[in-house]
Amino acid sequence: MAAVTIRNLSDEAHRALKVRAAQHNRSAEAEMRAILEAAVRPEGRLRLGAALSEMSRKLGLTNADVEALAQAPDTRPAEPMPFE
């Protein structure tokens, strides 16, 4: 697990962090982890798997459709795209 050092944090920010941590019944370190997690991994973020699943539901694709696609792969080499 990674460790992070925050340098030059103002005294005011440090005090506010301690107050916020106390309000959430956490240590200052646990509060910092929670703040960073929420900032970089918000709950409303787009998840690729969920987006693809939703698209396939809207299109009416079934597991049988996916299995049929997997059984008949195109093994021919790709043709280069003409740029003329």
C-alpha atoms as a PDB file:
ATOM      1  CA  MET A   1       0.000   0.000   0.000  1.00  0.00           C
ATOM      2  CA  ALA A   2       1.284   3.458  -0.881  1.00  0.00           C
ATOM      3  CA  ALA A   3       2.175   6.126   1.648  1.00  0.00           C
ATOM      4  CA  VAL A   4       1.776   9.859   1.026  1.00  0.00           C
ATOM      5  CA  THR A   5       3.406  12.788   2.786  1.00  0.00           C
ATOM      6  CA  ILE A   6       1.766  16.193   2.599  1.00  0.00           C
ATOM      7  CA  ARG A   7       4.206  19.032   3.093  1.00  0.00           C
ATOM      8  CA  ASN A   8       3.464  22.674   3.859  1.00  0.00           C
ATOM      9  CA  LEU A   9      -0.111  22.088   5.019  1.00  0.00           C
ATOM     10  CA  SER A  10      -1.260  25.241   6.769  1.00  0.00           C
ATOM     11  CA  ASP A  11      -2.071  25.104  10.476  1.00  0.00           C
ATOM     12  CA  GLU A  12      -5.633  26.216   9.683  1.00  0.00           C
ATOM     13  CA  ALA A  13      -6.146  23.351   7.239  1.00  0.00           C
ATOM     14  CA  HIS A  14      -4.676  20.877   9.724  1.00  0.00           C
ATOM     15  CA  ARG A  15      -6.994  22.089  12.484  1.00  0.00           C
ATOM     16  CA  ALA A  16     -10.008  21.961  10.149  1.00  0.00           C
ATOM     17  CA  LEU A  17      -9.051  18.438   9.156  1.00  0.00           C
ATOM     18  CA  LYS A  18      -8.874  17.363  12.794  1.00  0.00           C
ATOM     19  CA  VAL A  19     -12.298  18.917  13.470  1.00  0.00           C
ATOM     20  CA  ARG A  20     -13.797  17.205  10.433  1.00  0.00           C
ATOM     21  CA  ALA A  21     -12.254  13.883  11.477  1.00  0.00           C
ATOM     22  CA  ALA A  22     -13.718  14.232  14.970  1.00  0.00           C
ATOM     23  CA  GLN A  23     -17.154  14.941  13.473  1.00  0.00           C
ATOM     24  CA  HIS A  24     -16.935  11.675  11.546  1.00  0.00           C
ATOM     25  CA  ASN A  25     -15.473   9.744  14.505  1.00  0.00           C
ATOM     26  CA  ARG A  26     -12.241   9.048  12.609  1.00  0.00           C
ATOM     27  CA  SER A  27      -8.580   9.771  13.009  1.00  0.00           C
ATOM     28  CA  ALA A  28      -7.104  12.602  10.943  1.00  0.00           C
ATOM     29  CA  GLU A  29      -5.333   9.995   8.811  1.00  0.00           C
ATOM     30  CA  ALA A  30      -8.561   8.068   8.173  1.00  0.00           C
ATOM     31  CA  GLU A  31     -10.309  11.329   7.301  1.00  0.00           C
ATOM     32  CA  MET A  32      -7.589  12.190   4.775  1.00  0.00           C
ATOM     33  CA  ARG A  33      -7.990   8.750   3.179  1.00  0.00           C
ATOM     34  CA  ALA A  34     -11.762   9.235   2.944  1.00  0.00           C
ATOM     35  CA  ILE A  35     -11.362  12.695   1.387  1.00  0.00           C
ATOM     36  CA  LEU A  36      -8.854  11.437  -1.189  1.00  0.00           C
ATOM     37  CA  GLU A  37     -10.967   8.378  -2.076  1.00  0.00           C
ATOM     38  CA  ALA A  38     -14.063  10.543  -2.566  1.00  0.00           C
ATOM     39  CA  ALA A  39     -12.112  12.979  -4.730  1.00  0.00           C
ATOM     40  CA  VAL A  40     -10.557  10.454  -7.084  1.00  0.00           C
ATOM     41  CA  ARG A  41     -13.235   7.746  -7.040  1.00  0.00           C
ATOM     42  CA  PRO A  42     -16.622   9.458  -6.798  1.00  0.00           C
ATOM     43  CA  GLU A  43     -19.720   7.264  -6.468  1.00  0.00           C
ATOM     44  CA  GLY A  44     -21.308   8.675  -9.612  1.00  0.00           C
ATOM     45  CA  ARG A  45     -18.364   7.871 -11.876  1.00  0.00           C
ATOM     46  CA  LEU A  46     -18.953   6.020 -15.109  1.00  0.00           C
ATOM     47  CA  ARG A  47     -17.992   2.383 -14.893  1.00  0.00           C
ATOM     48  CA  LEU A  48     -17.254   0.790 -18.235  1.00  0.00           C
ATOM     49  CA  GLY A  49     -18.746  -2.613 -17.419  1.00  0.00           C
ATOM     50  CA  ALA A  50     -21.975  -1.090 -16.133  1.00  0.00           C
ATOM     51  CA  ALA A  51     -22.209   1.196 -19.190  1.00  0.00           C
ATOM     52  CA  LEU A  52     -21.710  -1.698 -21.617  1.00  0.00           C
ATOM     53  CA  SER A  53     -24.236  -3.825 -19.748  1.00  0.00           C
ATOM     54  CA  GLU A  54     -26.802  -1.024 -19.876  1.00  0.00           C
ATOM     55  CA  MET A  55     -26.206  -0.507 -23.611  1.00  0.00           C
ATOM     56  CA  SER A  56     -26.686  -4.204 -24.357  1.00  0.00           C
ATOM     57  CA  ARG A  57     -29.933  -4.260 -22.321  1.00  0.00           C
ATOM     58  CA  LYS A  58     -31.240  -1.270 -24.285  1.00  0.00           C
ATOM     59  CA  LEU A  59     -30.347  -3.019 -27.558  1.00  0.00           C
ATOM     60  CA  GLY A  60     -32.037  -6.218 -26.418  1.00  0.00           C
ATOM     61  CA  LEU A  61     -28.917  -8.377 -26.631  1.00  0.00           C
ATOM     62  CA  THR A  62     -29.077 -11.706 -24.854  1.00  0.00           C
ATOM     63  CA  ASN A  63     -26.451 -14.185 -23.703  1.00  0.00           C
ATOM     64  CA  ALA A  64     -27.328 -16.279 -26.769  1.00  0.00           C
ATOM     65  CA  ASP A  65     -26.382 -13.339 -29.009  1.00  0.00           C
ATOM     66  CA  VAL A  66     -23.024 -12.962 -27.295  1.00  0.00           C
ATOM     67  CA  GLU A  67     -22.366 -16.715 -27.500  1.00  0.00           C
ATOM     68  CA  ALA A  68     -23.191 -16.712 -31.230  1.00  0.00           C
ATOM     69  CA  LEU A  69     -20.706 -13.895 -31.800  1.00  0.00           C
ATOM     70  CA  ALA A  70     -18.022 -15.752 -29.868  1.00  0.00           C
ATOM     71  CA  GLN A  71     -18.551 -18.981 -31.854  1.00  0.00           C
ATOM     72  CA  ALA A  72     -18.046 -17.407 -35.267  1.00  0.00           C
ATOM     73  CA  PRO A  73     -14.984 -15.181 -35.022  1.00  0.00           C
ATOM     74  CA  ASP A  74     -13.661 -13.633 -38.207  1.00  0.00           C
ATOM     75  CA  THR A  75     -10.186 -15.128 -38.547  1.00  0.00           C
ATOM     76  CA  ARG A  76      -9.305 -13.316 -41.754  1.00  0.00           C
ATOM     77  CA  PRO A  77      -6.491 -10.795 -41.462  1.00  0.00           C
ATOM     78  CA  ALA A  78      -7.642  -7.213 -41.384  1.00  0.00           C
ATOM     79  CA  GLU A  79      -7.406  -5.293 -44.627  1.00  0.00           C
ATOM     80  CA  PRO A  80      -5.562  -1.976 -44.466  1.00  0.00           C
ATOM     81  CA  MET A  81      -7.776   1.046 -44.814  1.00  0.00           C
ATOM     82  CA  PRO A  82      -7.414   2.939 -48.093  1.00  0.00           C
ATOM     83  CA  PHE A  83      -6.608   6.639 -47.699  1.00  0.00           C
ATOM     84  CA  GLU A  84      -7.149   7.664 -51.313  1.00  0.00           C
END
